[in-house]
Protein backbone atom coordinates (compact mmCIF):
# COMPACT_ATOMS: atom_id res chain seq x y z
CA GLU A 1 -20.75 -13.61 -14.65
CA SER A 2 -22.94 -13.68 -11.64
CA GLY A 3 -23.03 -17.09 -9.99
CA ASN A 4 -20.51 -18.60 -12.31
CA PRO A 5 -18.16 -20.56 -9.83
CA ILE A 6 -15.13 -20.47 -12.18
CA ALA A 7 -15.42 -16.67 -12.53
CA ILE A 8 -15.86 -16.22 -8.81
CA ALA A 9 -12.78 -18.57 -8.06
CA LYS A 10 -10.48 -16.41 -10.16
CA ALA A 11 -11.36 -13.19 -8.21
CA ASN A 12 -9.37 -11.91 -5.29
CA ALA A 13 -11.07 -10.27 -2.18
CA ILE A 14 -8.66 -7.76 -0.91
CA ILE A 15 -8.70 -5.53 2.14
CA GLU A 16 -6.80 -2.22 2.17
CA ASN A 17 -5.54 -0.66 5.40
CA HIS A 18 -7.88 2.35 5.28
CA SER A 19 -8.15 3.97 8.66
CA GLY A 20 -9.99 2.72 11.76
CA MET A 21 -9.64 -0.96 12.54
CA SER A 22 -8.12 -1.95 9.26
CA ALA A 23 -5.21 0.65 9.98
CA HIS A 24 -4.19 -1.83 12.68
CA ALA A 25 -2.14 -4.20 10.53
CA GLY A 26 -1.70 -6.84 13.23
CA TRP A 27 -5.63 -6.93 13.56
CA LEU A 28 -6.21 -7.24 9.74
CA VAL A 29 -3.60 -10.01 9.47
CA SER A 30 -5.51 -11.98 12.12
CA VAL A 31 -8.67 -11.52 10.18
CA ILE A 32 -6.95 -12.78 6.93
CA LYS A 33 -5.66 -15.80 8.83
CA LYS A 34 -8.98 -16.62 10.10
CA VAL A 35 -10.61 -16.43 6.72
CA ASP A 36 -7.84 -18.71 5.39
CA LEU A 37 -8.70 -18.58 1.73
CA PRO A 38 -5.95 -18.37 -0.95
CA ASN A 39 -7.80 -15.70 -2.80
CA CYS A 40 -8.49 -13.51 0.41
CA GLY A 41 -5.51 -11.01 0.94
CA THR A 42 -4.35 -7.45 1.59
CA LEU A 43 -3.76 -4.37 -0.48
CA PRO A 44 -1.11 -2.49 1.58
CA ASP A 45 -1.25 1.22 1.16
CA PHE A 46 1.62 3.48 2.06
CA GLY A 47 -0.49 6.45 2.90
CA ARG A 48 0.85 7.56 6.40
CA THR A 49 -1.67 10.27 7.41
CA PHE A 50 -4.86 8.31 6.61
CA ASN A 51 -4.12 4.65 6.03
CA PHE A 52 -2.57 4.16 9.42
CA ASP A 53 -4.81 6.34 11.42
CA MET A 54 -6.49 4.25 14.11
CA GLY A 55 -8.51 6.99 15.47
CA ASN A 56 -8.23 9.10 18.69
CA GLY A 57 -4.88 10.36 17.67
CA ARG A 58 -3.37 6.86 17.56
CA GLN A 59 -1.26 6.12 14.59
CA TYR A 60 0.08 2.52 13.62
CA ASP A 61 3.71 2.47 12.40
CA PRO A 62 3.44 2.38 8.64
CA TYR A 63 6.74 0.34 8.03
CA LYS A 64 5.75 -2.21 10.70
CA GLY A 65 2.24 -2.29 9.17
CA ILE A 66 3.35 -2.78 5.62
CA ALA A 67 5.77 -5.47 6.75
CA GLU A 68 3.03 -7.29 8.47
CA LEU A 69 0.56 -7.02 5.50
CA MET A 70 3.02 -7.98 2.73
CA PRO A 71 2.83 -11.85 3.17
CA PHE A 72 -0.80 -11.61 2.28
CA ALA A 73 -0.61 -8.97 -0.46
CA LYS A 74 -2.31 -9.34 -3.76
CA ASP A 75 -1.34 -5.72 -4.80
CA VAL A 76 0.38 -2.80 -3.47
CA SER A 77 -0.56 0.94 -3.50
CA ALA A 78 2.12 3.53 -3.28
CA LYS A 79 0.26 6.76 -2.07
CA THR A 80 1.91 10.25 -2.04
CA ARG A 81 0.70 13.42 -0.97
CA LYS A 82 3.71 15.80 -0.77
CA PHE A 83 7.13 15.98 -2.35
CA ASP A 84 10.33 17.95 -1.46
CA ALA A 85 12.48 19.74 -4.00
CA ARG A 86 14.36 16.55 -5.04
CA GLY A 87 11.13 14.67 -5.68
CA ASN A 88 11.11 12.60 -2.58
CA ASP A 89 8.02 12.00 -0.63
CA THR A 90 7.96 14.06 2.59
CA GLU A 91 5.79 11.72 4.75
CA ILE A 92 7.16 8.16 3.71
CA ASP A 93 10.64 7.03 3.17
CA PHE A 94 10.15 5.29 -0.17
CA ARG A 95 13.54 3.48 -0.13
CA ARG A 96 12.72 2.02 3.22
CA MET A 97 9.22 1.05 2.28
CA MET A 98 9.93 -0.44 -1.00
CA LYS A 99 12.75 -2.35 0.67
CA VAL A 100 10.13 -3.79 2.99
CA VAL A 101 8.00 -4.69 -0.11
CA VAL A 102 10.95 -6.31 -2.11
CA ASP A 103 12.26 -8.14 0.97
CA SER A 104 8.89 -9.80 1.33
CA GLY A 105 9.22 -11.40 -1.87
CA TYR A 106 6.47 -9.44 -3.64
CA ARG A 107 7.12 -9.10 -7.39
CA GLY A 108 3.64 -7.86 -8.61
CA TYR A 109 2.54 -4.36 -9.69
CA VAL A 110 2.72 -1.37 -7.46
CA GLY A 111 -0.36 0.97 -7.95
CA ILE A 112 -0.03 4.65 -7.69
CA GLU A 113 -2.26 7.00 -5.76
CA TYR A 114 -1.78 10.64 -5.45
CA SER A 115 -4.04 12.56 -3.01
CA SER A 116 -3.02 16.27 -2.73
CA ARG A 117 -3.07 19.59 -4.50
CA GLN A 118 0.69 20.30 -4.38
CA ALA A 119 1.20 19.20 -8.10
CA ASP A 120 -0.57 21.54 -10.45
CA THR A 121 -2.63 18.50 -11.64
CA GLU A 122 -3.45 15.11 -10.41
CA ILE A 123 -1.58 13.55 -13.44
CA ASN A 124 1.60 15.45 -12.57
CA GLY A 125 1.35 14.13 -8.97
CA ILE A 126 0.90 10.57 -10.46
CA ARG A 127 3.97 11.19 -12.72
CA MET A 128 6.03 12.54 -9.77
CA THR A 129 5.09 9.31 -7.84
CA LYS A 130 6.12 7.09 -10.77
CA ARG A 131 9.49 8.84 -11.13
CA LEU A 132 10.08 8.44 -7.39
CA LEU A 133 9.29 4.62 -7.82
CA GLU A 134 11.49 4.41 -10.68
CA LYS A 135 14.47 6.12 -8.92
CA VAL A 136 13.91 3.69 -5.94
CA ARG A 137 13.73 0.73 -8.07
CA GLU A 138 17.27 1.69 -9.68
CA GLU A 139 18.74 2.18 -6.11
CA LEU A 140 17.35 -1.14 -4.83
CA SER A 141 18.52 -3.18 -7.95
């Protein structure tokens, strides 16, 4: 409901690292700290190619970036684009990345994004990502 302070209080405002300035996780964390509200946080997104692209050929280290964003995470997005023959992501080491997520104390949901045409359909790309996350979860347990 518009204008209902109770409904507004239950909503989270989250910022995803999504190229440009928000790709610089250190800067994004400084903004979240300045806002200093419990319902304002981050949506760390694994996507290496786009999500950590600061422009002019500069890339922010995705593992460092996710580690910096996780203390403020309200949700996490596992983005994949390409898989090898064993079902592993070719751009992000999911074991290493999910260890960062787990070590941060995060125990919420991990959303799945697939943004490629490698799989024959988008739903198959999502299924491949889900299988990879399940495999990594078993390995980290």
